[in-house]
Amino acid sequence: METKRCIFVGVGGQGNLLASNLLGQAALSMGIPVVVSEIHGMAQRGGVVESAVLIGEVTSPIVSAGEADVLVSFEPLETMRIVGKCHKNSLVISNSQPQPPFTVAVGQGKYPEVDEFLKKLPAKVGKVIAVRGNDLAEEAGNALSLNMVMLGALFATNSLPVTEEKMKETIAASTKKAFLESNLKAFDLGKKAAAAQM
């Protein structure tokens, strides 16, 4: 089996750790070897939260510079920060809607021009898909379902050996009933938005 190194990155509260853990569970339930590792920043304060899902026979849970096959970023500034872990054939899926850090919110910093960066990114990697993740989460009926939007976008690319059916089963098994419908809708909206760019 081909090894796939996926990085999930975002800021605290966006749910990217849950997304990577669910992907890991779905892979395990299909009998696919998988390693999930987490690097926490100051998650409670909107700090950076990074996790990796390594699918296939891997010896190290670390994804070094130039090793990530797939980057799923919940925040465009984080895409800019971590793109060095990608290689020329990497797939980058990014939320295009910023969640400005605290320093910007209080007027001590300036948020970079995300659109300009995302326009230049395709020259550095294999494929870039940018979705308006926050809008799609709202459309699904739950602003907190950004992680499901981003998972859906990932599954539109067919870049992993995990099936969509198994992924949705895993989501259903670990979602409170009140949020299940909106989570699955968010997944489908993310998938549709990404599929339109394939």
N, C-alpha and C. Protein backbone atom coordinates (compact mmCIF):
# COMPACT_ATOMS: atom_id res chain seq x y z
N MET A 1 0.84 -1.21 0.00
CA MET A 1 0.00 0.00 0.00
C MET A 1 0.87 1.26 0.00
N GLU A 2 0.46 2.21 -0.80
CA GLU A 2 1.19 3.48 -0.88
C GLU A 2 1.01 4.26 0.43
N THR A 3 2.10 4.80 0.93
CA THR A 3 2.03 5.60 2.15
C THR A 3 1.53 7.00 1.82
N LYS A 4 0.63 7.50 2.68
CA LYS A 4 0.14 8.87 2.51
C LYS A 4 0.36 9.62 3.81
N ARG A 5 1.03 10.75 3.71
CA ARG A 5 1.26 11.58 4.89
C ARG A 5 0.37 12.81 4.81
N CYS A 6 -0.57 12.91 5.72
CA CYS A 6 -1.53 14.02 5.72
C CYS A 6 -1.31 14.89 6.95
N ILE A 7 -1.30 16.19 6.75
CA ILE A 7 -1.22 17.12 7.87
C ILE A 7 -2.53 17.89 7.95
N PHE A 8 -3.03 18.01 9.17
CA PHE A 8 -4.19 18.87 9.44
C PHE A 8 -3.69 20.02 10.30
N VAL A 9 -4.02 21.24 9.94
CA VAL A 9 -3.57 22.37 10.74
C VAL A 9 -4.68 23.41 10.84
N GLY A 10 -4.72 24.08 11.98
CA GLY A 10 -5.72 25.13 12.19
C GLY A 10 -5.39 25.86 13.47
N VAL A 11 -6.37 26.59 13.98
CA VAL A 11 -6.18 27.26 15.26
C VAL A 11 -7.17 26.66 16.25
N GLY A 12 -6.89 26.88 17.52
CA GLY A 12 -7.70 26.29 18.58
C GLY A 12 -9.19 26.54 18.38
N GLY A 13 -9.99 25.50 18.57
CA GLY A 13 -11.43 25.65 18.49
C GLY A 13 -12.03 25.33 17.13
N GLN A 14 -11.17 25.07 16.13
CA GLN A 14 -11.70 24.79 14.78
C GLN A 14 -12.01 23.30 14.56
N GLY A 15 -11.56 22.45 15.47
CA GLY A 15 -11.93 21.03 15.37
C GLY A 15 -11.03 20.18 14.50
N ASN A 16 -9.80 20.65 14.22
CA ASN A 16 -8.98 19.83 13.33
C ASN A 16 -8.43 18.57 13.99
N LEU A 17 -8.26 18.58 15.33
CA LEU A 17 -7.82 17.35 16.00
C LEU A 17 -8.89 16.28 15.89
N LEU A 18 -10.14 16.68 16.05
CA LEU A 18 -11.25 15.72 15.92
C LEU A 18 -11.27 15.16 14.49
N ALA A 19 -11.09 16.02 13.51
CA ALA A 19 -11.11 15.57 12.11
C ALA A 19 -10.02 14.53 11.85
N SER A 20 -8.81 14.79 12.34
CA SER A 20 -7.72 13.83 12.10
C SER A 20 -7.95 12.53 12.86
N ASN A 21 -8.50 12.63 14.07
CA ASN A 21 -8.78 11.41 14.84
C ASN A 21 -9.87 10.57 14.17
N LEU A 22 -10.89 11.22 13.65
CA LEU A 22 -11.96 10.50 12.96
C LEU A 22 -11.43 9.80 11.71
N LEU A 23 -10.56 10.49 10.97
CA LEU A 23 -9.95 9.88 9.79
C LEU A 23 -9.13 8.65 10.18
N GLY A 24 -8.37 8.80 11.27
CA GLY A 24 -7.58 7.67 11.77
C GLY A 24 -8.45 6.49 12.16
N GLN A 25 -9.56 6.78 12.85
CA GLN A 25 -10.50 5.70 13.25
C GLN A 25 -11.10 5.01 12.03
N ALA A 26 -11.47 5.80 11.03
CA ALA A 26 -12.06 5.22 9.81
C ALA A 26 -11.06 4.29 9.11
N ALA A 27 -9.80 4.74 9.05
CA ALA A 27 -8.76 3.90 8.44
C ALA A 27 -8.58 2.60 9.21
N LEU A 28 -8.51 2.71 10.54
CA LEU A 28 -8.35 1.52 11.38
C LEU A 28 -9.49 0.54 11.20
N SER A 29 -10.72 1.07 11.11
CA SER A 29 -11.87 0.19 10.98
C SER A 29 -11.90 -0.54 9.64
N MET A 30 -11.10 -0.06 8.68
CA MET A 30 -10.96 -0.75 7.39
C MET A 30 -9.73 -1.66 7.38
N GLY A 31 -9.04 -1.72 8.52
CA GLY A 31 -7.84 -2.56 8.59
C GLY A 31 -6.62 -1.94 7.93
N ILE A 32 -6.66 -0.62 7.73
CA ILE A 32 -5.54 0.09 7.10
C ILE A 32 -4.58 0.56 8.20
N PRO A 33 -3.28 0.27 8.07
CA PRO A 33 -2.34 0.75 9.09
C PRO A 33 -2.32 2.29 9.11
N VAL A 34 -2.39 2.85 10.32
CA VAL A 34 -2.44 4.31 10.42
C VAL A 34 -1.80 4.77 11.72
N VAL A 35 -1.15 5.91 11.67
CA VAL A 35 -0.59 6.55 12.87
C VAL A 35 -1.14 7.97 12.91
N VAL A 36 -1.68 8.36 14.07
CA VAL A 36 -2.17 9.73 14.24
C VAL A 36 -1.32 10.39 15.31
N SER A 37 -0.75 11.55 15.00
CA SER A 37 0.04 12.27 16.01
C SER A 37 -0.45 13.70 16.09
N GLU A 38 -0.29 14.30 17.26
CA GLU A 38 -0.80 15.66 17.49
C GLU A 38 0.28 16.56 18.05
N ILE A 39 0.27 17.79 17.56
CA ILE A 39 1.13 18.83 18.14
C ILE A 39 0.21 19.95 18.56
N HIS A 40 0.08 20.15 19.84
CA HIS A 40 -0.84 21.20 20.32
C HIS A 40 -0.08 22.50 20.52
N GLY A 41 -0.71 23.57 20.07
CA GLY A 41 -0.21 24.88 20.46
C GLY A 41 -1.04 25.29 21.67
N MET A 42 -1.33 26.57 21.77
CA MET A 42 -2.20 27.03 22.85
C MET A 42 -3.63 26.97 22.33
N ALA A 43 -4.16 25.76 22.29
CA ALA A 43 -5.44 25.52 21.63
C ALA A 43 -6.58 26.37 22.19
N GLN A 44 -6.56 26.57 23.52
CA GLN A 44 -7.67 27.31 24.13
C GLN A 44 -7.66 28.79 23.74
N ARG A 45 -6.54 29.30 23.32
CA ARG A 45 -6.44 30.74 23.05
C ARG A 45 -6.30 31.03 21.57
N GLY A 46 -6.76 30.14 20.74
CA GLY A 46 -6.65 30.38 19.31
C GLY A 46 -5.26 30.15 18.78
N GLY A 47 -4.46 29.36 19.53
CA GLY A 47 -3.10 29.05 19.07
C GLY A 47 -3.12 27.99 17.99
N VAL A 48 -1.95 27.71 17.44
CA VAL A 48 -1.83 26.75 16.35
C VAL A 48 -2.05 25.33 16.86
N VAL A 49 -2.84 24.56 16.12
CA VAL A 49 -3.04 23.15 16.45
C VAL A 49 -2.74 22.36 15.18
N GLU A 50 -1.80 21.44 15.30
CA GLU A 50 -1.37 20.66 14.14
C GLU A 50 -1.46 19.18 14.46
N SER A 51 -1.93 18.39 13.51
CA SER A 51 -1.93 16.95 13.69
C SER A 51 -1.56 16.28 12.38
N ALA A 52 -1.14 15.04 12.47
CA ALA A 52 -0.76 14.31 11.26
C ALA A 52 -1.44 12.95 11.26
N VAL A 53 -1.87 12.54 10.09
CA VAL A 53 -2.43 11.19 9.89
C VAL A 53 -1.56 10.53 8.83
N LEU A 54 -0.85 9.49 9.25
CA LEU A 54 0.04 8.79 8.32
C LEU A 54 -0.56 7.43 8.02
N ILE A 55 -0.92 7.23 6.76
CA ILE A 55 -1.62 6.02 6.35
C ILE A 55 -0.64 5.13 5.60
N GLY A 56 -0.65 3.83 5.96
CA GLY A 56 0.28 2.88 5.35
C GLY A 56 1.38 2.51 6.31
N GLU A 57 2.38 1.83 5.82
CA GLU A 57 3.48 1.36 6.67
C GLU A 57 4.47 2.50 6.89
N VAL A 58 4.38 3.15 8.03
CA VAL A 58 5.31 4.24 8.33
C VAL A 58 6.13 3.90 9.56
N THR A 59 7.33 4.43 9.61
CA THR A 59 8.20 4.14 10.75
C THR A 59 8.23 5.29 11.75
N SER A 60 7.87 6.50 11.29
CA SER A 60 7.91 7.66 12.18
C SER A 60 6.60 8.44 12.10
N PRO A 61 6.10 8.92 13.25
CA PRO A 61 4.88 9.71 13.23
C PRO A 61 5.11 11.18 12.83
N ILE A 62 6.37 11.53 12.58
CA ILE A 62 6.71 12.92 12.27
C ILE A 62 6.65 13.14 10.76
N VAL A 63 6.06 14.28 10.36
CA VAL A 63 6.09 14.68 8.95
C VAL A 63 7.07 15.85 8.83
N SER A 64 8.18 15.60 8.16
CA SER A 64 9.23 16.62 8.05
C SER A 64 9.01 17.50 6.83
N ALA A 65 9.87 18.50 6.67
CA ALA A 65 9.78 19.42 5.52
C ALA A 65 9.81 18.64 4.22
N GLY A 66 8.89 18.98 3.32
CA GLY A 66 8.84 18.34 2.02
C GLY A 66 8.24 16.94 1.98
N GLU A 67 7.64 16.50 3.09
CA GLU A 67 7.13 15.12 3.16
C GLU A 67 5.61 14.99 3.09
N ALA A 68 4.87 16.07 3.28
CA ALA A 68 3.41 15.96 3.36
C ALA A 68 2.81 15.75 1.96
N ASP A 69 2.06 14.67 1.80
CA ASP A 69 1.37 14.42 0.52
C ASP A 69 0.08 15.23 0.45
N VAL A 70 -0.54 15.41 1.62
CA VAL A 70 -1.81 16.14 1.69
C VAL A 70 -1.75 17.11 2.87
N LEU A 71 -2.15 18.36 2.62
CA LEU A 71 -2.28 19.35 3.69
C LEU A 71 -3.74 19.80 3.72
N VAL A 72 -4.36 19.63 4.88
CA VAL A 72 -5.73 20.13 5.07
C VAL A 72 -5.63 21.25 6.10
N SER A 73 -5.84 22.49 5.65
CA SER A 73 -5.66 23.63 6.54
C SER A 73 -6.99 24.34 6.77
N PHE A 74 -7.29 24.55 8.04
CA PHE A 74 -8.57 25.16 8.43
C PHE A 74 -8.49 26.69 8.44
N GLU A 75 -7.29 27.22 8.17
CA GLU A 75 -7.09 28.67 8.31
C GLU A 75 -5.98 29.08 7.32
N PRO A 76 -6.23 30.06 6.44
CA PRO A 76 -5.27 30.36 5.37
C PRO A 76 -3.89 30.83 5.83
N LEU A 77 -3.83 31.53 6.95
CA LEU A 77 -2.52 31.95 7.47
C LEU A 77 -1.69 30.72 7.86
N GLU A 78 -2.37 29.71 8.39
CA GLU A 78 -1.68 28.46 8.75
C GLU A 78 -1.21 27.72 7.51
N THR A 79 -1.96 27.86 6.40
CA THR A 79 -1.51 27.26 5.13
C THR A 79 -0.18 27.88 4.75
N MET A 80 -0.09 29.21 4.86
CA MET A 80 1.15 29.92 4.53
C MET A 80 2.30 29.46 5.43
N ARG A 81 1.99 29.28 6.70
CA ARG A 81 3.02 28.96 7.68
C ARG A 81 3.61 27.56 7.46
N ILE A 82 2.77 26.63 7.03
CA ILE A 82 3.20 25.23 7.05
C ILE A 82 3.45 24.64 5.66
N VAL A 83 3.30 25.46 4.63
CA VAL A 83 3.40 24.93 3.26
C VAL A 83 4.78 24.33 2.96
N GLY A 84 5.79 24.69 3.73
CA GLY A 84 7.12 24.12 3.57
C GLY A 84 7.18 22.62 3.81
N LYS A 85 6.14 22.08 4.46
CA LYS A 85 6.11 20.63 4.68
C LYS A 85 5.61 19.89 3.44
N CYS A 86 5.14 20.64 2.45
CA CYS A 86 4.63 20.03 1.22
C CYS A 86 5.74 19.86 0.19
N HIS A 87 5.47 19.03 -0.84
CA HIS A 87 6.40 18.88 -1.96
C HIS A 87 5.69 19.29 -3.26
N LYS A 88 6.38 19.15 -4.37
CA LYS A 88 5.84 19.70 -5.62
C LYS A 88 4.58 18.98 -6.12
N ASN A 89 4.31 17.78 -5.59
CA ASN A 89 3.10 17.06 -6.01
C ASN A 89 2.03 17.03 -4.92
N SER A 90 2.22 17.78 -3.85
CA SER A 90 1.27 17.74 -2.73
C SER A 90 -0.09 18.29 -3.12
N LEU A 91 -1.10 17.76 -2.44
CA LEU A 91 -2.46 18.29 -2.54
C LEU A 91 -2.68 19.20 -1.34
N VAL A 92 -3.08 20.44 -1.60
CA VAL A 92 -3.35 21.39 -0.51
C VAL A 92 -4.83 21.76 -0.54
N ILE A 93 -5.52 21.50 0.58
CA ILE A 93 -6.92 21.89 0.71
C ILE A 93 -6.97 22.92 1.83
N SER A 94 -7.37 24.14 1.48
CA SER A 94 -7.34 25.22 2.47
C SER A 94 -8.70 25.90 2.60
N ASN A 95 -9.05 26.21 3.83
CA ASN A 95 -10.16 27.12 4.06
C ASN A 95 -9.66 28.49 3.63
N SER A 96 -10.43 29.21 2.83
CA SER A 96 -9.96 30.53 2.36
C SER A 96 -10.43 31.67 3.26
N GLN A 97 -11.17 31.33 4.34
CA GLN A 97 -11.69 32.39 5.22
C GLN A 97 -10.86 32.49 6.50
N PRO A 98 -10.24 33.66 6.71
CA PRO A 98 -9.35 33.81 7.86
C PRO A 98 -10.06 33.81 9.21
N GLN A 99 -9.33 33.34 10.21
CA GLN A 99 -9.70 33.57 11.59
C GLN A 99 -8.52 34.33 12.18
N PRO A 100 -8.56 35.67 12.10
CA PRO A 100 -7.37 36.46 12.47
C PRO A 100 -6.91 36.18 13.90
N PRO A 101 -5.59 36.07 14.09
CA PRO A 101 -5.07 35.83 15.43
C PRO A 101 -5.34 37.01 16.36
N PHE A 102 -5.17 36.77 17.63
CA PHE A 102 -5.45 37.75 18.68
C PHE A 102 -4.75 39.08 18.42
N THR A 103 -3.49 39.02 17.99
CA THR A 103 -2.72 40.26 17.77
C THR A 103 -3.38 41.14 16.71
N VAL A 104 -3.94 40.50 15.68
CA VAL A 104 -4.63 41.27 14.64
C VAL A 104 -5.95 41.82 15.18
N ALA A 105 -6.65 40.98 15.93
CA ALA A 105 -7.95 41.37 16.49
C ALA A 105 -7.83 42.61 17.39
N VAL A 106 -6.71 42.73 18.10
CA VAL A 106 -6.54 43.88 19.00
C VAL A 106 -5.75 45.02 18.33
N GLY A 107 -5.50 44.89 17.03
CA GLY A 107 -4.87 45.97 16.28
C GLY A 107 -3.36 46.04 16.38
N GLN A 108 -2.71 44.97 16.88
CA GLN A 108 -1.25 45.00 17.01
C GLN A 108 -0.54 44.36 15.82
N GLY A 109 -1.31 43.79 14.93
CA GLY A 109 -0.68 43.14 13.77
C GLY A 109 -1.57 43.30 12.56
N LYS A 110 -1.03 42.92 11.40
CA LYS A 110 -1.81 43.02 10.16
C LYS A 110 -1.91 41.63 9.55
N TYR A 111 -3.11 41.29 9.12
CA TYR A 111 -3.30 39.98 8.50
C TYR A 111 -2.81 40.04 7.06
N PRO A 112 -2.00 39.06 6.62
CA PRO A 112 -1.47 39.11 5.26
C PRO A 112 -2.56 38.95 4.19
N GLU A 113 -2.21 39.27 2.96
CA GLU A 113 -3.16 39.14 1.84
C GLU A 113 -3.28 37.67 1.45
N VAL A 114 -4.31 37.03 1.94
CA VAL A 114 -4.51 35.60 1.73
C VAL A 114 -4.74 35.27 0.26
N ASP A 115 -5.58 36.07 -0.40
CA ASP A 115 -5.91 35.78 -1.79
C ASP A 115 -4.66 35.74 -2.66
N GLU A 116 -3.76 36.69 -2.42
CA GLU A 116 -2.52 36.76 -3.21
C GLU A 116 -1.70 35.49 -3.00
N PHE A 117 -1.60 35.08 -1.73
CA PHE A 117 -0.83 33.88 -1.41
C PHE A 117 -1.44 32.64 -2.06
N LEU A 118 -2.76 32.50 -1.94
CA LEU A 118 -3.42 31.32 -2.50
C LEU A 118 -3.29 31.27 -4.03
N LYS A 119 -3.23 32.45 -4.65
CA LYS A 119 -3.05 32.50 -6.11
C LYS A 119 -1.66 32.00 -6.53
N LYS A 120 -0.67 32.30 -5.70
CA LYS A 120 0.71 31.90 -6.03
C LYS A 120 1.02 30.45 -5.65
N LEU A 121 0.24 29.90 -4.75
CA LEU A 121 0.53 28.57 -4.19
C LEU A 121 0.59 27.45 -5.23
N PRO A 122 -0.30 27.43 -6.25
CA PRO A 122 -0.25 26.31 -7.21
C PRO A 122 1.10 26.11 -7.89
N ALA A 123 1.91 27.15 -7.96
CA ALA A 123 3.24 27.02 -8.58
C ALA A 123 4.19 26.18 -7.71
N LYS A 124 3.86 26.05 -6.42
CA LYS A 124 4.76 25.36 -5.49
C LYS A 124 4.36 23.91 -5.22
N VAL A 125 3.07 23.58 -5.41
CA VAL A 125 2.57 22.25 -5.07
C VAL A 125 1.81 21.65 -6.25
N GLY A 126 1.26 20.45 -6.06
CA GLY A 126 0.59 19.78 -7.16
C GLY A 126 -0.80 20.32 -7.46
N LYS A 127 -1.60 20.50 -6.41
CA LYS A 127 -3.00 20.91 -6.59
C LYS A 127 -3.45 21.70 -5.37
N VAL A 128 -4.18 22.78 -5.61
CA VAL A 128 -4.71 23.58 -4.51
C VAL A 128 -6.23 23.67 -4.65
N ILE A 129 -6.91 23.36 -3.56
CA ILE A 129 -8.36 23.53 -3.50
C ILE A 129 -8.64 24.47 -2.34
N ALA A 130 -9.32 25.58 -2.62
CA ALA A 130 -9.66 26.54 -1.55
C ALA A 130 -11.18 26.60 -1.43
N VAL A 131 -11.69 26.38 -0.23
CA VAL A 131 -13.14 26.43 -0.01
C VAL A 131 -13.47 27.48 1.04
N ARG A 132 -14.65 28.06 0.92
CA ARG A 132 -15.10 29.02 1.93
C ARG A 132 -15.74 28.22 3.07
N GLY A 133 -14.87 27.65 3.88
CA GLY A 133 -15.29 26.68 4.89
C GLY A 133 -16.28 27.19 5.91
N ASN A 134 -16.06 28.42 6.40
CA ASN A 134 -16.95 28.95 7.43
C ASN A 134 -18.36 29.18 6.88
N ASP A 135 -18.43 29.68 5.64
CA ASP A 135 -19.73 29.90 5.01
C ASP A 135 -20.48 28.57 4.83
N LEU A 136 -19.73 27.53 4.42
CA LEU A 136 -20.36 26.23 4.20
C LEU A 136 -20.83 25.60 5.52
N ALA A 137 -20.06 25.82 6.59
CA ALA A 137 -20.47 25.32 7.91
C ALA A 137 -21.77 26.00 8.35
N GLU A 138 -21.83 27.32 8.13
CA GLU A 138 -23.06 28.07 8.46
C GLU A 138 -24.24 27.54 7.64
N GLU A 139 -23.98 27.30 6.36
CA GLU A 139 -25.02 26.81 5.46
C GLU A 139 -25.55 25.44 5.92
N ALA A 140 -24.65 24.65 6.50
CA ALA A 140 -25.03 23.32 7.00
C ALA A 140 -25.86 23.41 8.28
N GLY A 141 -25.88 24.62 8.88
CA GLY A 141 -26.68 24.80 10.08
C GLY A 141 -25.91 24.71 11.39
N ASN A 142 -24.56 24.64 11.29
CA ASN A 142 -23.76 24.57 12.51
C ASN A 142 -22.40 25.19 12.23
N ALA A 143 -22.19 26.39 12.78
CA ALA A 143 -20.93 27.11 12.55
C ALA A 143 -19.71 26.31 13.00
N LEU A 144 -19.92 25.35 13.91
CA LEU A 144 -18.80 24.56 14.44
C LEU A 144 -18.48 23.34 13.57
N SER A 145 -19.16 23.21 12.44
CA SER A 145 -18.94 22.01 11.61
C SER A 145 -17.89 22.24 10.51
N LEU A 146 -17.03 23.25 10.71
CA LEU A 146 -15.95 23.51 9.74
C LEU A 146 -15.11 22.26 9.51
N ASN A 147 -14.85 21.50 10.59
CA ASN A 147 -14.02 20.30 10.44
C ASN A 147 -14.67 19.28 9.50
N MET A 148 -16.00 19.21 9.51
CA MET A 148 -16.70 18.28 8.62
C MET A 148 -16.64 18.78 7.17
N VAL A 149 -16.73 20.10 7.01
CA VAL A 149 -16.59 20.69 5.67
C VAL A 149 -15.23 20.31 5.08
N MET A 150 -14.18 20.46 5.89
CA MET A 150 -12.82 20.20 5.41
C MET A 150 -12.60 18.71 5.13
N LEU A 151 -13.20 17.85 5.95
CA LEU A 151 -13.11 16.40 5.68
C LEU A 151 -13.82 16.07 4.37
N GLY A 152 -14.99 16.67 4.17
CA GLY A 152 -15.72 16.44 2.92
C GLY A 152 -14.90 16.87 1.72
N ALA A 153 -14.26 18.03 1.83
CA ALA A 153 -13.40 18.52 0.74
C ALA A 153 -12.28 17.53 0.45
N LEU A 154 -11.70 16.98 1.51
CA LEU A 154 -10.63 15.98 1.35
C LEU A 154 -11.14 14.75 0.61
N PHE A 155 -12.35 14.31 0.95
CA PHE A 155 -12.88 13.09 0.34
C PHE A 155 -13.30 13.30 -1.11
N ALA A 156 -13.50 14.54 -1.52
CA ALA A 156 -13.81 14.81 -2.94
C ALA A 156 -12.63 14.47 -3.83
N THR A 157 -11.43 14.43 -3.26
CA THR A 157 -10.21 14.27 -4.06
C THR A 157 -9.84 12.81 -4.29
N ASN A 158 -10.49 11.90 -3.58
CA ASN A 158 -10.16 10.46 -3.69
C ASN A 158 -8.66 10.20 -3.52
N SER A 159 -8.03 10.95 -2.62
CA SER A 159 -6.58 10.82 -2.49
C SER A 159 -6.16 9.83 -1.39
N LEU A 160 -7.14 9.30 -0.66
CA LEU A 160 -6.83 8.36 0.43
C LEU A 160 -7.55 7.03 0.22
N PRO A 161 -7.02 5.95 0.81
CA PRO A 161 -7.65 4.65 0.63
C PRO A 161 -8.90 4.42 1.49
N VAL A 162 -9.26 5.40 2.31
CA VAL A 162 -10.46 5.27 3.16
C VAL A 162 -11.70 5.60 2.32
N THR A 163 -12.76 4.80 2.47
CA THR A 163 -13.97 5.05 1.67
C THR A 163 -14.83 6.12 2.33
N GLU A 164 -15.59 6.82 1.52
CA GLU A 164 -16.50 7.84 2.05
C GLU A 164 -17.54 7.20 2.97
N GLU A 165 -18.00 6.03 2.58
CA GLU A 165 -19.01 5.32 3.40
C GLU A 165 -18.48 5.06 4.81
N LYS A 166 -17.25 4.58 4.90
CA LYS A 166 -16.64 4.28 6.21
C LYS A 166 -16.40 5.57 6.99
N MET A 167 -16.02 6.65 6.28
CA MET A 167 -15.80 7.93 6.95
C MET A 167 -17.11 8.43 7.56
N LYS A 168 -18.20 8.34 6.80
CA LYS A 168 -19.50 8.81 7.30
C LYS A 168 -20.00 7.95 8.46
N GLU A 169 -19.73 6.65 8.39
CA GLU A 169 -20.09 5.75 9.51
C GLU A 169 -19.36 6.18 10.78
N THR A 170 -18.08 6.49 10.63
CA THR A 170 -17.26 6.91 11.77
C THR A 170 -17.76 8.23 12.34
N ILE A 171 -18.11 9.17 11.45
CA ILE A 171 -18.65 10.45 11.90
C ILE A 171 -19.96 10.22 12.67
N ALA A 172 -20.82 9.36 12.11
CA ALA A 172 -22.12 9.09 12.73
C ALA A 172 -21.95 8.46 14.12
N ALA A 173 -20.95 7.58 14.24
CA ALA A 173 -20.74 6.86 15.51
C ALA A 173 -20.20 7.77 16.60
N SER A 174 -19.60 8.89 16.22
CA SER A 174 -18.98 9.74 17.25
C SER A 174 -19.57 11.14 17.30
N THR A 175 -20.75 11.32 16.73
CA THR A 175 -21.41 12.63 16.75
C THR A 175 -22.67 12.55 17.60
N LYS A 176 -22.89 13.57 18.43
CA LYS A 176 -24.14 13.64 19.19
C LYS A 176 -25.29 13.75 18.20
N LYS A 177 -26.39 13.09 18.54
CA LYS A 177 -27.53 13.03 17.63
C LYS A 177 -27.98 14.41 17.13
N ALA A 178 -27.95 15.39 18.02
CA ALA A 178 -28.41 16.74 17.68
C ALA A 178 -27.59 17.36 16.54
N PHE A 179 -26.33 16.93 16.39
CA PHE A 179 -25.45 17.53 15.39
C PHE A 179 -25.22 16.65 14.17
N LEU A 180 -25.77 15.44 14.19
CA LEU A 180 -25.44 14.49 13.12
C LEU A 180 -25.87 14.99 11.75
N GLU A 181 -27.08 15.48 11.65
CA GLU A 181 -27.59 15.93 10.35
C GLU A 181 -26.75 17.08 9.80
N SER A 182 -26.44 18.08 10.66
CA SER A 182 -25.66 19.22 10.19
C SER A 182 -24.22 18.81 9.86
N ASN A 183 -23.67 17.85 10.62
CA ASN A 183 -22.30 17.40 10.33
C ASN A 183 -22.22 16.70 8.98
N LEU A 184 -23.19 15.84 8.70
CA LEU A 184 -23.18 15.12 7.42
C LEU A 184 -23.46 16.09 6.26
N LYS A 185 -24.31 17.07 6.52
CA LYS A 185 -24.59 18.08 5.49
C LYS A 185 -23.32 18.90 5.21
N ALA A 186 -22.61 19.26 6.28
CA ALA A 186 -21.36 20.02 6.13
C ALA A 186 -20.33 19.22 5.32
N PHE A 187 -20.24 17.92 5.61
CA PHE A 187 -19.34 17.03 4.87
C PHE A 187 -19.68 17.07 3.38
N ASP A 188 -20.97 16.92 3.07
CA ASP A 188 -21.41 16.91 1.67
C ASP A 188 -21.17 18.25 0.98
N LEU A 189 -21.39 19.35 1.70
CA LEU A 189 -21.17 20.68 1.12
C LEU A 189 -19.67 20.90 0.83
N GLY A 190 -18.83 20.47 1.74
CA GLY A 190 -17.38 20.57 1.53
C GLY A 190 -16.94 19.74 0.34
N LYS A 191 -17.52 18.55 0.24
CA LYS A 191 -17.18 17.64 -0.86
C LYS A 191 -17.59 18.26 -2.20
N LYS A 192 -18.80 18.83 -2.23
CA LYS A 192 -19.31 19.44 -3.47
C LYS A 192 -18.44 20.64 -3.88
N ALA A 193 -18.08 21.48 -2.91
CA ALA A 193 -17.27 22.67 -3.19
C ALA A 193 -15.90 22.29 -3.75
N ALA A 194 -15.32 21.22 -3.19
CA ALA A 194 -14.00 20.79 -3.66
C ALA A 194 -14.10 20.09 -5.01
N ALA A 195 -15.16 19.30 -5.18
CA ALA A 195 -15.33 18.56 -6.44
C ALA A 195 -15.43 19.51 -7.63
N ALA A 196 -16.01 20.69 -7.37
CA ALA A 196 -16.16 21.69 -8.44
C ALA A 196 -14.81 22.23 -8.91
N GLN A 197 -13.76 22.00 -8.10
CA GLN A 197 -12.42 22.49 -8.46
C GLN A 197 -11.48 21.40 -8.94
N MET A 198 -12.01 20.18 -9.03
CA MET A 198 -11.16 19.05 -9.42
C MET A 198 -10.97 19.00 -10.94
